[in-house]
Amino acid sequence: MSKIGKINISIPEKVKVAIAGNILNIEGPLGKKSLNIDLEMFNLDIKEGKEISIKPKKIDQDTKRLWGMNRSLINNAVIGAVKGYEKILELVGVGYRASLKGNQLNLQLGYSHDINYTIPEGIKILVEKQTTLRISGFDKQLVGSVVSKIKTFRKIEPYKGKGIREKGQYIMKKEGKKK
C-alpha cells in the first residue's frame, strides 16, 4: 500500500475539477492544468467537488510505483491553481545583475556578453533588487525547470561561493591554496 496514495486530496472552493476521458482538468484562479491519468490502472473518484481519491484497480509492482506519484501530481496541480509556487534566486558576485526587458530576463554574470533568457508562458519573474529574482507560477514542474535553467548560466563556484543560488541554499566551500 502506498502511504501517499491513500490520502485523499481536498479541493478548495475556488478550484473546479473535471474528468474528460483520460484527462483530468483542474482550473483555479491562478491557472489551468490538464493531467493525463491512466484510467485502466486507477479509479479516480471526485466526491461532491470537495475531495479526489485515487485507487488502483489491482495492486502489483507497476501500480505501487505509480499510485503515489499520480496522487502527488494531482495534489501539486490543485495547490498550484490556488496558491501557486514560488522560488527566490540570489545572484552572488561583483557586478552580477538582473533586469527585465519585456518578455526577456537580462542577466549580467561576469561574462563578456549579457545573457538574455526568454520567460516561458505561465511564469512571472520579478526583479526585487538587482541581485534577487522571484520566480512564480502555477505549475510546480515549470517553476522548478526555469529556476534550474537560470542556475546553469553561472554555477556556484566552490572557493568564494559566487554564482546563482536559491535563497537559503547551503554551499560547501573549499579551502584555498596554503602558503
N, C-alpha and C. Protein backbone atom coordinates (compact mmCIF):
# COMPACT_ATOMS: atom_id res chain seq x y z
N MET A 1 0.83 -1.19 0.00
CA MET A 1 0.00 0.00 0.00
C MET A 1 0.87 1.25 0.00
N SER A 2 0.45 2.22 -0.76
CA SER A 2 1.17 3.49 -0.83
C SER A 2 0.70 4.41 0.28
N LYS A 3 1.65 4.89 1.07
CA LYS A 3 1.30 5.79 2.18
C LYS A 3 0.76 7.12 1.63
N ILE A 4 1.37 7.61 0.57
CA ILE A 4 0.95 8.89 -0.01
C ILE A 4 -0.33 8.71 -0.83
N GLY A 5 -0.41 7.62 -1.58
CA GLY A 5 -1.55 7.39 -2.47
C GLY A 5 -2.87 7.25 -1.76
N LYS A 6 -2.86 6.76 -0.52
CA LYS A 6 -4.10 6.54 0.23
C LYS A 6 -4.76 7.84 0.67
N ILE A 7 -3.99 8.91 0.83
CA ILE A 7 -4.51 10.18 1.35
C ILE A 7 -5.38 10.85 0.28
N ASN A 8 -6.60 11.26 0.68
CA ASN A 8 -7.48 11.97 -0.24
C ASN A 8 -7.01 13.41 -0.42
N ILE A 9 -7.30 13.97 -1.59
CA ILE A 9 -6.91 15.35 -1.90
C ILE A 9 -8.15 16.23 -1.72
N SER A 10 -8.06 17.22 -0.83
CA SER A 10 -9.19 18.13 -0.64
C SER A 10 -9.12 19.24 -1.69
N ILE A 11 -10.29 19.57 -2.23
CA ILE A 11 -10.37 20.59 -3.28
C ILE A 11 -10.90 21.88 -2.66
N PRO A 12 -10.16 22.99 -2.74
CA PRO A 12 -10.66 24.29 -2.24
C PRO A 12 -11.88 24.76 -3.05
N GLU A 13 -12.61 25.73 -2.52
CA GLU A 13 -13.84 26.20 -3.15
C GLU A 13 -13.60 26.85 -4.52
N LYS A 14 -12.45 27.50 -4.70
CA LYS A 14 -12.19 28.24 -5.93
C LYS A 14 -11.78 27.35 -7.10
N VAL A 15 -11.50 26.06 -6.84
CA VAL A 15 -10.97 25.17 -7.87
C VAL A 15 -12.08 24.31 -8.46
N LYS A 16 -12.07 24.17 -9.79
CA LYS A 16 -13.00 23.28 -10.49
C LYS A 16 -12.22 22.11 -11.05
N VAL A 17 -12.71 20.89 -10.79
CA VAL A 17 -12.06 19.68 -11.28
C VAL A 17 -13.06 18.92 -12.14
N ALA A 18 -12.62 18.49 -13.34
CA ALA A 18 -13.49 17.73 -14.24
C ALA A 18 -12.68 16.67 -14.98
N ILE A 19 -13.34 15.53 -15.23
CA ILE A 19 -12.68 14.45 -15.98
C ILE A 19 -13.31 14.39 -17.36
N ALA A 20 -12.46 14.35 -18.40
CA ALA A 20 -12.92 14.17 -19.77
C ALA A 20 -12.07 13.05 -20.39
N GLY A 21 -12.60 11.84 -20.41
CA GLY A 21 -11.84 10.70 -20.91
C GLY A 21 -10.73 10.36 -19.92
N ASN A 22 -9.50 10.34 -20.40
CA ASN A 22 -8.33 10.08 -19.54
C ASN A 22 -7.72 11.37 -19.01
N ILE A 23 -8.29 12.53 -19.34
CA ILE A 23 -7.68 13.81 -18.97
C ILE A 23 -8.43 14.42 -17.80
N LEU A 24 -7.66 14.80 -16.76
CA LEU A 24 -8.21 15.47 -15.58
C LEU A 24 -7.90 16.95 -15.72
N ASN A 25 -8.94 17.79 -15.80
CA ASN A 25 -8.77 19.23 -15.93
C ASN A 25 -8.95 19.90 -14.58
N ILE A 26 -7.96 20.69 -14.17
CA ILE A 26 -8.00 21.41 -12.91
C ILE A 26 -7.88 22.89 -13.23
N GLU A 27 -8.90 23.67 -12.81
CA GLU A 27 -8.92 25.09 -13.12
C GLU A 27 -9.12 25.89 -11.84
N GLY A 28 -8.27 26.89 -11.65
CA GLY A 28 -8.36 27.74 -10.46
C GLY A 28 -8.09 29.18 -10.81
N PRO A 29 -8.02 30.05 -9.80
CA PRO A 29 -7.81 31.48 -10.06
C PRO A 29 -6.45 31.80 -10.69
N LEU A 30 -5.43 30.98 -10.45
CA LEU A 30 -4.10 31.28 -11.00
C LEU A 30 -3.82 30.63 -12.35
N GLY A 31 -4.55 29.57 -12.69
CA GLY A 31 -4.28 28.94 -13.97
C GLY A 31 -5.05 27.65 -14.16
N LYS A 32 -4.77 27.02 -15.31
CA LYS A 32 -5.46 25.80 -15.69
C LYS A 32 -4.43 24.74 -16.04
N LYS A 33 -4.64 23.52 -15.56
CA LYS A 33 -3.69 22.44 -15.80
C LYS A 33 -4.46 21.20 -16.20
N SER A 34 -3.95 20.46 -17.19
CA SER A 34 -4.54 19.20 -17.62
C SER A 34 -3.55 18.09 -17.35
N LEU A 35 -4.03 17.03 -16.69
CA LEU A 35 -3.20 15.87 -16.38
C LEU A 35 -3.76 14.65 -17.08
N ASN A 36 -2.86 13.84 -17.64
CA ASN A 36 -3.26 12.60 -18.29
C ASN A 36 -3.14 11.47 -17.27
N ILE A 37 -4.26 10.87 -16.88
CA ILE A 37 -4.31 9.80 -15.88
C ILE A 37 -4.69 8.50 -16.58
N ASP A 38 -3.98 7.42 -16.29
CA ASP A 38 -4.27 6.11 -16.86
C ASP A 38 -5.44 5.49 -16.12
N LEU A 39 -6.65 5.59 -16.69
CA LEU A 39 -7.85 5.08 -16.02
C LEU A 39 -7.99 3.56 -16.14
N GLU A 40 -7.15 2.93 -16.95
CA GLU A 40 -7.14 1.46 -16.98
C GLU A 40 -6.44 0.91 -15.75
N MET A 41 -5.56 1.70 -15.15
CA MET A 41 -4.79 1.27 -13.99
C MET A 41 -5.40 1.79 -12.69
N PHE A 42 -6.04 2.98 -12.72
CA PHE A 42 -6.52 3.63 -11.50
C PHE A 42 -7.99 4.00 -11.60
N ASN A 43 -8.67 4.02 -10.44
CA ASN A 43 -10.02 4.58 -10.31
C ASN A 43 -9.88 5.97 -9.73
N LEU A 44 -10.53 6.94 -10.33
CA LEU A 44 -10.47 8.32 -9.85
C LEU A 44 -11.88 8.73 -9.42
N ASP A 45 -12.05 9.07 -8.15
CA ASP A 45 -13.36 9.46 -7.63
C ASP A 45 -13.33 10.92 -7.19
N ILE A 46 -14.31 11.70 -7.68
CA ILE A 46 -14.46 13.09 -7.23
C ILE A 46 -15.74 13.12 -6.40
N LYS A 47 -15.60 13.36 -5.10
CA LYS A 47 -16.75 13.32 -4.18
C LYS A 47 -17.31 14.73 -3.98
N GLU A 48 -18.43 15.01 -4.63
CA GLU A 48 -19.18 16.27 -4.49
C GLU A 48 -18.33 17.51 -4.73
N GLY A 49 -17.29 17.41 -5.53
CA GLY A 49 -16.43 18.55 -5.81
C GLY A 49 -15.60 19.00 -4.62
N LYS A 50 -15.52 18.16 -3.57
CA LYS A 50 -14.78 18.52 -2.36
C LYS A 50 -13.51 17.70 -2.19
N GLU A 51 -13.50 16.46 -2.71
CA GLU A 51 -12.36 15.56 -2.50
C GLU A 51 -12.12 14.70 -3.72
N ILE A 52 -10.83 14.42 -3.96
CA ILE A 52 -10.44 13.48 -5.02
C ILE A 52 -9.72 12.33 -4.35
N SER A 53 -10.08 11.12 -4.76
CA SER A 53 -9.33 9.95 -4.27
C SER A 53 -8.92 9.13 -5.48
N ILE A 54 -7.73 8.57 -5.40
CA ILE A 54 -7.19 7.74 -6.48
C ILE A 54 -6.84 6.38 -5.88
N LYS A 55 -7.38 5.32 -6.51
CA LYS A 55 -7.14 3.97 -6.03
C LYS A 55 -6.79 3.08 -7.21
N PRO A 56 -5.85 2.14 -7.03
CA PRO A 56 -5.53 1.23 -8.13
C PRO A 56 -6.62 0.17 -8.30
N LYS A 57 -6.81 -0.29 -9.55
CA LYS A 57 -7.79 -1.34 -9.80
C LYS A 57 -7.28 -2.68 -9.30
N LYS A 58 -5.98 -2.95 -9.54
CA LYS A 58 -5.35 -4.13 -8.95
C LYS A 58 -3.96 -3.73 -8.48
N ILE A 59 -3.52 -4.33 -7.39
CA ILE A 59 -2.23 -3.93 -6.81
C ILE A 59 -1.14 -4.89 -7.28
N ASP A 60 -0.20 -4.34 -8.05
CA ASP A 60 1.01 -5.07 -8.45
C ASP A 60 2.18 -4.08 -8.43
N GLN A 61 3.35 -4.50 -8.86
CA GLN A 61 4.55 -3.67 -8.77
C GLN A 61 4.39 -2.34 -9.52
N ASP A 62 3.81 -2.37 -10.73
CA ASP A 62 3.67 -1.14 -11.52
C ASP A 62 2.74 -0.13 -10.85
N THR A 63 1.59 -0.62 -10.37
CA THR A 63 0.64 0.32 -9.76
C THR A 63 1.17 0.86 -8.43
N LYS A 64 1.93 0.06 -7.69
CA LYS A 64 2.52 0.55 -6.44
C LYS A 64 3.45 1.72 -6.70
N ARG A 65 4.22 1.62 -7.78
CA ARG A 65 5.17 2.69 -8.12
C ARG A 65 4.46 3.97 -8.55
N LEU A 66 3.39 3.81 -9.31
CA LEU A 66 2.74 4.97 -9.92
C LEU A 66 1.63 5.60 -9.08
N TRP A 67 1.13 4.90 -8.08
CA TRP A 67 -0.01 5.35 -7.29
C TRP A 67 0.30 6.66 -6.55
N GLY A 68 1.36 6.67 -5.77
CA GLY A 68 1.74 7.87 -5.01
C GLY A 68 2.16 9.01 -5.91
N MET A 69 2.83 8.68 -7.03
CA MET A 69 3.27 9.73 -7.95
C MET A 69 2.08 10.44 -8.58
N ASN A 70 1.09 9.67 -9.04
CA ASN A 70 -0.09 10.28 -9.66
C ASN A 70 -0.87 11.12 -8.65
N ARG A 71 -0.96 10.66 -7.40
CA ARG A 71 -1.64 11.43 -6.36
C ARG A 71 -0.91 12.75 -6.11
N SER A 72 0.44 12.69 -6.08
CA SER A 72 1.23 13.90 -5.86
C SER A 72 1.08 14.88 -7.02
N LEU A 73 1.03 14.37 -8.25
CA LEU A 73 0.86 15.25 -9.41
C LEU A 73 -0.48 15.98 -9.36
N ILE A 74 -1.54 15.26 -8.97
CA ILE A 74 -2.87 15.88 -8.87
C ILE A 74 -2.86 16.92 -7.74
N ASN A 75 -2.27 16.56 -6.60
CA ASN A 75 -2.21 17.47 -5.46
C ASN A 75 -1.42 18.74 -5.80
N ASN A 76 -0.28 18.58 -6.50
CA ASN A 76 0.52 19.74 -6.90
C ASN A 76 -0.25 20.65 -7.84
N ALA A 77 -1.05 20.06 -8.74
CA ALA A 77 -1.84 20.87 -9.67
C ALA A 77 -2.93 21.64 -8.93
N VAL A 78 -3.56 21.01 -7.92
CA VAL A 78 -4.60 21.69 -7.13
C VAL A 78 -4.00 22.84 -6.33
N ILE A 79 -2.87 22.59 -5.67
CA ILE A 79 -2.21 23.64 -4.88
C ILE A 79 -1.75 24.77 -5.80
N GLY A 80 -1.21 24.44 -6.96
CA GLY A 80 -0.74 25.44 -7.91
C GLY A 80 -1.86 26.32 -8.44
N ALA A 81 -3.06 25.74 -8.61
CA ALA A 81 -4.20 26.51 -9.12
C ALA A 81 -4.69 27.52 -8.09
N VAL A 82 -4.48 27.23 -6.78
CA VAL A 82 -4.96 28.13 -5.73
C VAL A 82 -3.86 29.09 -5.26
N LYS A 83 -2.73 28.54 -4.79
CA LYS A 83 -1.66 29.35 -4.19
C LYS A 83 -0.54 29.66 -5.17
N GLY A 84 -0.19 28.72 -6.02
CA GLY A 84 0.94 28.87 -6.92
C GLY A 84 2.23 28.47 -6.23
N TYR A 85 3.30 28.47 -6.96
CA TYR A 85 4.61 28.09 -6.44
C TYR A 85 5.58 29.24 -6.68
N GLU A 86 6.56 29.34 -5.79
CA GLU A 86 7.49 30.46 -5.87
C GLU A 86 8.88 30.03 -5.39
N LYS A 87 9.89 30.48 -6.10
CA LYS A 87 11.27 30.27 -5.67
C LYS A 87 12.02 31.59 -5.80
N ILE A 88 13.00 31.78 -4.91
CA ILE A 88 13.77 33.02 -4.91
C ILE A 88 15.22 32.68 -5.23
N LEU A 89 15.80 33.39 -6.21
CA LEU A 89 17.19 33.19 -6.59
C LEU A 89 18.00 34.42 -6.19
N GLU A 90 19.24 34.17 -5.76
CA GLU A 90 20.15 35.26 -5.41
C GLU A 90 21.36 35.20 -6.34
N LEU A 91 21.77 36.37 -6.84
CA LEU A 91 22.97 36.47 -7.66
C LEU A 91 24.09 36.97 -6.75
N VAL A 92 25.11 36.14 -6.55
CA VAL A 92 26.19 36.49 -5.64
C VAL A 92 27.46 36.66 -6.47
N GLY A 93 28.02 37.86 -6.47
CA GLY A 93 29.25 38.13 -7.20
C GLY A 93 29.33 39.61 -7.55
N VAL A 94 30.53 40.10 -7.74
CA VAL A 94 30.74 41.51 -8.05
C VAL A 94 30.25 41.79 -9.48
N GLY A 95 29.33 42.74 -9.60
CA GLY A 95 28.83 43.13 -10.92
C GLY A 95 27.74 42.22 -11.46
N TYR A 96 27.27 41.25 -10.70
CA TYR A 96 26.19 40.38 -11.17
C TYR A 96 24.87 41.12 -11.01
N ARG A 97 24.12 41.24 -12.10
CA ARG A 97 22.86 41.99 -12.09
C ARG A 97 21.83 41.30 -12.95
N ALA A 98 20.57 41.58 -12.64
CA ALA A 98 19.46 41.09 -13.45
C ALA A 98 18.50 42.24 -13.71
N SER A 99 17.86 42.21 -14.88
CA SER A 99 16.84 43.21 -15.20
C SER A 99 15.85 42.59 -16.18
N LEU A 100 14.65 43.15 -16.20
CA LEU A 100 13.62 42.67 -17.12
C LEU A 100 13.49 43.64 -18.28
N LYS A 101 13.43 43.07 -19.49
CA LYS A 101 13.20 43.88 -20.69
C LYS A 101 12.06 43.22 -21.47
N GLY A 102 10.84 43.59 -21.15
CA GLY A 102 9.68 42.98 -21.80
C GLY A 102 9.52 41.53 -21.36
N ASN A 103 9.59 40.62 -22.32
CA ASN A 103 9.45 39.19 -22.05
C ASN A 103 10.81 38.51 -21.89
N GLN A 104 11.86 39.32 -21.72
CA GLN A 104 13.22 38.78 -21.60
C GLN A 104 13.81 39.13 -20.24
N LEU A 105 14.54 38.17 -19.69
CA LEU A 105 15.30 38.40 -18.46
C LEU A 105 16.74 38.62 -18.89
N ASN A 106 17.27 39.80 -18.59
CA ASN A 106 18.65 40.13 -18.96
C ASN A 106 19.54 39.91 -17.74
N LEU A 107 20.56 39.06 -17.90
CA LEU A 107 21.47 38.73 -16.80
C LEU A 107 22.89 39.16 -17.16
N GLN A 108 23.54 39.88 -16.25
CA GLN A 108 24.96 40.22 -16.40
C GLN A 108 25.70 39.43 -15.34
N LEU A 109 26.45 38.43 -15.78
CA LEU A 109 27.04 37.47 -14.85
C LEU A 109 28.56 37.38 -14.97
N GLY A 110 29.20 38.46 -15.34
CA GLY A 110 30.66 38.47 -15.39
C GLY A 110 31.24 37.94 -16.68
N TYR A 111 30.41 37.58 -17.63
CA TYR A 111 30.90 37.15 -18.94
C TYR A 111 31.10 38.40 -19.80
N SER A 112 31.70 38.22 -20.98
CA SER A 112 31.92 39.35 -21.87
C SER A 112 30.63 39.79 -22.56
N HIS A 113 29.55 39.02 -22.39
CA HIS A 113 28.28 39.33 -23.01
C HIS A 113 27.15 39.17 -21.98
N ASP A 114 26.02 39.80 -22.26
CA ASP A 114 24.83 39.63 -21.42
C ASP A 114 24.12 38.35 -21.84
N ILE A 115 23.38 37.75 -20.91
CA ILE A 115 22.58 36.57 -21.23
C ILE A 115 21.12 37.01 -21.22
N ASN A 116 20.42 36.77 -22.33
CA ASN A 116 19.00 37.07 -22.43
C ASN A 116 18.23 35.76 -22.40
N TYR A 117 17.34 35.63 -21.41
CA TYR A 117 16.53 34.42 -21.25
C TYR A 117 15.08 34.78 -21.50
N THR A 118 14.44 34.09 -22.46
CA THR A 118 13.04 34.33 -22.76
C THR A 118 12.18 33.64 -21.71
N ILE A 119 11.32 34.39 -21.07
CA ILE A 119 10.48 33.86 -19.99
C ILE A 119 9.34 33.07 -20.61
N PRO A 120 9.18 31.78 -20.21
CA PRO A 120 8.09 30.97 -20.77
C PRO A 120 6.71 31.44 -20.29
N GLU A 121 5.68 31.04 -21.02
CA GLU A 121 4.32 31.42 -20.68
C GLU A 121 3.91 30.71 -19.39
N GLY A 122 3.24 31.42 -18.50
CA GLY A 122 2.80 30.84 -17.24
C GLY A 122 3.78 31.09 -16.10
N ILE A 123 4.88 31.79 -16.37
CA ILE A 123 5.90 32.10 -15.36
C ILE A 123 5.99 33.61 -15.21
N LYS A 124 6.03 34.08 -13.97
CA LYS A 124 6.25 35.50 -13.69
C LYS A 124 7.59 35.64 -12.98
N ILE A 125 8.41 36.55 -13.45
CA ILE A 125 9.70 36.81 -12.80
C ILE A 125 9.70 38.27 -12.36
N LEU A 126 9.98 38.48 -11.08
CA LEU A 126 10.12 39.82 -10.53
C LEU A 126 11.57 40.03 -10.12
N VAL A 127 12.14 41.16 -10.51
CA VAL A 127 13.48 41.51 -10.06
C VAL A 127 13.30 42.48 -8.91
N GLU A 128 13.45 41.96 -7.67
CA GLU A 128 13.22 42.79 -6.50
C GLU A 128 14.35 43.78 -6.30
N LYS A 129 15.57 43.25 -6.14
CA LYS A 129 16.75 44.11 -6.18
C LYS A 129 17.46 43.67 -7.45
N GLN A 130 18.57 44.24 -7.77
CA GLN A 130 19.29 43.81 -8.97
C GLN A 130 19.87 42.41 -8.79
N THR A 131 19.98 41.96 -7.54
CA THR A 131 20.59 40.65 -7.29
C THR A 131 19.60 39.62 -6.75
N THR A 132 18.31 39.92 -6.74
CA THR A 132 17.31 38.98 -6.23
C THR A 132 16.20 38.80 -7.25
N LEU A 133 15.93 37.54 -7.60
CA LEU A 133 14.86 37.21 -8.55
C LEU A 133 13.79 36.41 -7.82
N ARG A 134 12.52 36.74 -8.06
CA ARG A 134 11.40 35.98 -7.50
C ARG A 134 10.66 35.35 -8.68
N ILE A 135 10.71 34.02 -8.77
CA ILE A 135 10.10 33.30 -9.89
C ILE A 135 8.86 32.60 -9.37
N SER A 136 7.71 32.86 -10.00
CA SER A 136 6.47 32.25 -9.54
C SER A 136 5.63 31.79 -10.72
N GLY A 137 4.76 30.83 -10.43
CA GLY A 137 3.86 30.29 -11.44
C GLY A 137 2.94 29.27 -10.80
N PHE A 138 1.99 28.74 -11.60
CA PHE A 138 1.04 27.79 -11.04
C PHE A 138 1.47 26.34 -11.28
N ASP A 139 2.45 26.10 -12.14
CA ASP A 139 2.92 24.75 -12.44
C ASP A 139 4.25 24.51 -11.72
N LYS A 140 4.25 23.60 -10.76
CA LYS A 140 5.43 23.34 -9.94
C LYS A 140 6.62 22.87 -10.79
N GLN A 141 6.35 22.00 -11.74
CA GLN A 141 7.42 21.45 -12.58
C GLN A 141 8.03 22.53 -13.47
N LEU A 142 7.21 23.43 -14.00
CA LEU A 142 7.70 24.50 -14.86
C LEU A 142 8.52 25.52 -14.07
N VAL A 143 8.07 25.86 -12.86
CA VAL A 143 8.81 26.79 -12.00
C VAL A 143 10.19 26.19 -11.68
N GLY A 144 10.22 24.92 -11.31
CA GLY A 144 11.48 24.25 -10.99
C GLY A 144 12.42 24.18 -12.17
N SER A 145 11.90 23.91 -13.37
CA SER A 145 12.77 23.81 -14.54
C SER A 145 13.32 25.17 -14.96
N VAL A 146 12.53 26.25 -14.78
CA VAL A 146 13.01 27.61 -15.10
C VAL A 146 14.12 27.99 -14.13
N VAL A 147 13.92 27.71 -12.83
CA VAL A 147 14.94 28.01 -11.82
C VAL A 147 16.22 27.23 -12.13
N SER A 148 16.07 25.97 -12.48
CA SER A 148 17.22 25.14 -12.80
C SER A 148 17.98 25.67 -14.01
N LYS A 149 17.25 26.11 -15.04
CA LYS A 149 17.87 26.64 -16.25
C LYS A 149 18.64 27.93 -15.95
N ILE A 150 18.05 28.82 -15.15
CA ILE A 150 18.71 30.07 -14.80
C ILE A 150 19.97 29.81 -13.98
N LYS A 151 19.90 28.82 -13.07
CA LYS A 151 21.06 28.49 -12.24
C LYS A 151 22.23 27.94 -13.06
N THR A 152 21.95 27.33 -14.22
CA THR A 152 23.04 26.79 -15.06
C THR A 152 23.84 27.88 -15.76
N PHE A 153 23.30 29.11 -15.85
CA PHE A 153 24.04 30.18 -16.52
C PHE A 153 25.32 30.54 -15.78
N ARG A 154 25.31 30.44 -14.44
CA ARG A 154 26.52 30.68 -13.66
C ARG A 154 26.45 29.77 -12.44
N LYS A 155 27.10 28.62 -12.54
CA LYS A 155 27.10 27.67 -11.44
C LYS A 155 27.88 28.23 -10.26
N ILE A 156 27.56 27.74 -9.07
CA ILE A 156 28.22 28.23 -7.86
C ILE A 156 29.65 27.74 -7.82
N GLU A 157 30.55 28.68 -7.60
CA GLU A 157 31.98 28.40 -7.57
C GLU A 157 32.34 28.03 -6.13
N PRO A 158 33.09 26.92 -5.90
CA PRO A 158 33.26 26.39 -4.54
C PRO A 158 34.25 27.14 -3.65
N TYR A 159 35.04 28.09 -4.18
CA TYR A 159 36.05 28.76 -3.36
C TYR A 159 35.52 30.04 -2.73
N LYS A 160 34.84 30.87 -3.50
CA LYS A 160 34.29 32.12 -2.95
C LYS A 160 32.77 32.07 -2.83
N GLY A 161 32.12 31.09 -3.47
CA GLY A 161 30.66 30.96 -3.39
C GLY A 161 29.93 31.88 -4.35
N LYS A 162 30.62 32.34 -5.42
CA LYS A 162 29.99 33.22 -6.40
C LYS A 162 29.14 32.39 -7.36
N GLY A 163 28.05 32.97 -7.83
CA GLY A 163 27.18 32.30 -8.78
C GLY A 163 25.72 32.58 -8.47
N ILE A 164 24.84 31.78 -9.06
CA ILE A 164 23.40 31.93 -8.83
C ILE A 164 22.96 30.80 -7.91
N ARG A 165 22.32 31.17 -6.80
CA ARG A 165 21.86 30.17 -5.84
C ARG A 165 20.44 30.45 -5.41
N GLU A 166 19.78 29.42 -4.90
CA GLU A 166 18.45 29.60 -4.33
C GLU A 166 18.61 30.19 -2.94
N LYS A 167 17.61 30.91 -2.50
CA LYS A 167 17.66 31.51 -1.17
C LYS A 167 17.71 30.41 -0.11
N GLY A 168 18.70 30.52 0.77
CA GLY A 168 18.84 29.54 1.83
C GLY A 168 19.64 28.31 1.45
N GLN A 169 20.13 28.23 0.21
CA GLN A 169 20.91 27.07 -0.22
C GLN A 169 22.28 27.10 0.43
N TYR A 170 22.70 25.95 0.97
CA TYR A 170 23.99 25.86 1.64
C TYR A 170 25.05 25.48 0.61
N ILE A 171 26.19 26.18 0.66
CA ILE A 171 27.30 25.90 -0.25
C ILE A 171 28.47 25.40 0.56
N MET A 172 28.97 24.24 0.20
CA MET A 172 30.15 23.68 0.84
C MET A 172 31.36 24.35 0.20
N LYS A 173 32.08 25.18 0.96
CA LYS A 173 33.22 25.89 0.41
C LYS A 173 34.49 25.10 0.59
N LYS A 174 35.36 25.18 -0.41
CA LYS A 174 36.67 24.53 -0.35
C LYS A 174 37.71 25.49 0.23
N GLU A 175 38.74 24.94 0.77
CA GLU A 175 39.84 25.76 1.27
C GLU A 175 40.75 26.11 0.12
N GLY A 176 41.23 27.34 0.09
CA GLY A 176 42.11 27.79 -0.98
C GLY A 176 43.53 27.29 -0.80
N LYS A 177 44.45 27.85 -1.60
CA LYS A 177 45.86 27.47 -1.53
C LYS A 177 46.46 27.89 -0.20
N LYS A 178 47.37 27.07 0.29
CA LYS A 178 48.06 27.42 1.53
C LYS A 178 49.47 27.88 1.18
N LYS A 179 50.00 28.82 1.98
CA LYS A 179 51.36 29.32 1.72
C LYS A 179 52.38 28.45 2.41
